[in-house]
Amino acid sequence: MDRRKTLVNEYKERKITGGIYRITNSVNGKYFLDWASNLRAKQNGFKFMVSSGTCFHFKLKGDWDSLGGNVFTFETLETIDKKADQTQEQFIDDLRTLEQMWSDKLDASKKY
C-alpha cells in the first residue's frame, strides 16, 4: 500500500508543461498554430498520427491526404509550466493568451 501511495503522490506532484506549437507543411509553408496543456502528449500524438497515416487535425486534412503526414513538422514555439497554486482553468487561460501573442507575430496569410 505504501508503494501505491508513493506513486499517487509522485503523479500529483509531477511537473505539467504546456505550450504553444506549430505544425508546418514543408511543401507550401502553411502552418497550424495551437496550444496544449500537455505538450509532450500532443507531440506524441502527432508522431503517432504521422506513423499511422491518420490526419492530425481536420484543418490539415486536405493537404495531409494529398501530400502525406511526412511533409508536416511539429515545432514547439514556447513552453510554460503549470504553477502549483494555479487552477487548470487559469493555466489554459495563460496558454490561450500566449497563443494569441504568437498568432500576432506570425504571417496570418499562411495559417490553415
Protein backbone atom coordinates (compact mmCIF):
# COMPACT_ATOMS: atom_id res chain seq x y z
CA MET A 1 0.00 0.00 0.00
CA ASP A 2 2.92 2.37 0.69
CA ARG A 3 4.21 1.88 -2.84
CA ARG A 4 0.80 2.82 -4.24
CA LYS A 5 0.65 5.98 -2.09
CA THR A 6 4.12 6.93 -3.24
CA LEU A 7 3.16 6.52 -6.90
CA VAL A 8 -0.04 8.53 -6.44
CA ASN A 9 1.87 11.35 -4.73
CA GLU A 10 4.54 11.37 -7.44
CA TYR A 11 1.82 11.60 -10.09
CA LYS A 12 0.13 14.51 -8.32
CA GLU A 13 3.44 16.35 -7.89
CA ARG A 14 4.72 15.87 -11.45
CA LYS A 15 5.56 18.96 -13.43
CA ILE A 16 2.93 19.81 -16.04
CA THR A 17 4.31 21.60 -19.07
CA GLY A 18 2.05 23.18 -21.63
CA GLY A 19 2.86 25.38 -24.53
CA ILE A 20 2.36 26.70 -27.99
CA TYR A 21 3.14 24.57 -31.01
CA ARG A 22 3.10 24.94 -34.76
CA ILE A 23 2.64 22.23 -37.36
CA THR A 24 4.12 23.35 -40.65
CA ASN A 25 3.59 21.98 -44.14
CA SER A 26 7.07 21.91 -45.67
CA VAL A 27 5.68 21.92 -49.22
CA ASN A 28 3.59 25.11 -49.15
CA GLY A 29 4.70 26.76 -45.90
CA LYS A 30 1.22 26.82 -44.39
CA TYR A 31 1.01 26.25 -40.66
CA PHE A 32 -1.41 25.27 -37.92
CA LEU A 33 -0.94 27.06 -34.59
CA ASP A 34 -2.39 25.80 -31.32
CA TRP A 35 -1.80 25.35 -27.60
CA ALA A 36 -1.70 22.24 -25.44
CA SER A 37 -1.88 21.89 -21.69
CA ASN A 38 0.28 18.75 -22.02
CA LEU A 39 2.74 19.46 -24.79
CA ARG A 40 4.54 16.13 -24.63
CA ALA A 41 1.29 14.21 -25.11
CA LYS A 42 0.36 16.41 -28.09
CA GLN A 43 3.76 15.82 -29.70
CA ASN A 44 3.49 12.07 -29.13
CA GLY A 45 0.01 12.14 -30.67
CA PHE A 46 1.38 13.94 -33.72
CA LYS A 47 4.16 11.36 -34.15
CA PHE A 48 1.64 8.54 -33.89
CA MET A 49 -0.65 10.16 -36.46
CA VAL A 50 2.23 10.57 -38.91
CA SER A 51 3.33 6.96 -38.46
CA SER A 52 -0.21 5.60 -38.81
CA GLY A 53 -1.19 7.84 -41.73
CA THR A 54 -4.07 9.36 -39.80
CA CYS A 55 -4.72 13.09 -40.10
CA PHE A 56 -3.73 15.07 -37.01
CA HIS A 57 -6.35 17.83 -37.30
CA PHE A 58 -9.31 18.39 -39.61
CA LYS A 59 -7.90 21.73 -40.82
CA LEU A 60 -4.90 19.86 -42.26
CA LYS A 61 -6.89 17.02 -43.80
CA GLY A 62 -6.82 18.12 -47.44
CA ASP A 63 -3.07 18.59 -47.60
CA TRP A 64 -2.46 15.64 -45.26
CA ASP A 65 -4.41 13.31 -47.54
CA SER A 66 -2.83 14.55 -50.76
CA LEU A 67 0.76 15.06 -49.57
CA GLY A 68 1.02 12.66 -46.64
CA GLY A 69 1.81 13.30 -42.99
CA ASN A 70 5.56 13.18 -43.55
CA VAL A 71 5.59 16.69 -45.06
CA PHE A 72 4.39 18.15 -41.74
CA THR A 73 6.68 19.07 -38.87
CA PHE A 74 5.84 19.66 -35.22
CA GLU A 75 7.60 22.61 -33.62
CA THR A 76 7.37 23.77 -30.03
CA LEU A 77 7.36 27.57 -30.02
CA GLU A 78 7.13 28.24 -26.29
CA THR A 79 6.56 26.29 -23.09
CA ILE A 80 5.21 27.20 -19.68
CA ASP A 81 4.94 25.16 -16.51
CA LYS A 82 1.72 25.00 -14.56
CA LYS A 83 2.24 26.69 -11.20
CA ALA A 84 1.39 24.75 -8.06
CA ASP A 85 -1.23 27.30 -6.99
CA GLN A 86 -2.74 27.66 -10.46
CA THR A 87 -6.04 26.06 -11.43
CA GLN A 88 -6.35 24.21 -14.72
CA GLU A 89 -8.66 26.96 -15.98
CA GLN A 90 -6.07 29.65 -15.16
CA PHE A 91 -3.38 27.59 -16.86
CA ILE A 92 -5.49 27.25 -20.00
CA ASP A 93 -6.24 30.99 -19.99
CA ASP A 94 -2.48 31.66 -19.90
CA LEU A 95 -1.96 29.27 -22.81
CA ARG A 96 -4.69 30.93 -24.88
CA THR A 97 -3.15 34.35 -24.23
CA LEU A 98 0.27 33.05 -25.25
CA GLU A 99 -1.21 31.53 -28.42
CA GLN A 100 -2.76 34.88 -29.34
CA MET A 101 0.61 36.58 -28.88
CA TRP A 102 2.22 34.05 -31.23
CA SER A 103 -0.62 34.38 -33.70
CA ASP A 104 0.00 38.14 -33.85
CA LYS A 105 3.70 37.52 -34.62
CA LEU A 106 3.22 35.02 -37.44
CA ASP A 107 2.12 35.54 -41.05
CA ALA A 108 -1.66 35.13 -40.97
CA SER A 109 -1.80 34.52 -44.75
CA LYS A 110 -0.02 31.17 -44.24
CA LYS A 111 -2.33 29.94 -41.47
CA TYR A 112 -4.60 26.94 -42.03
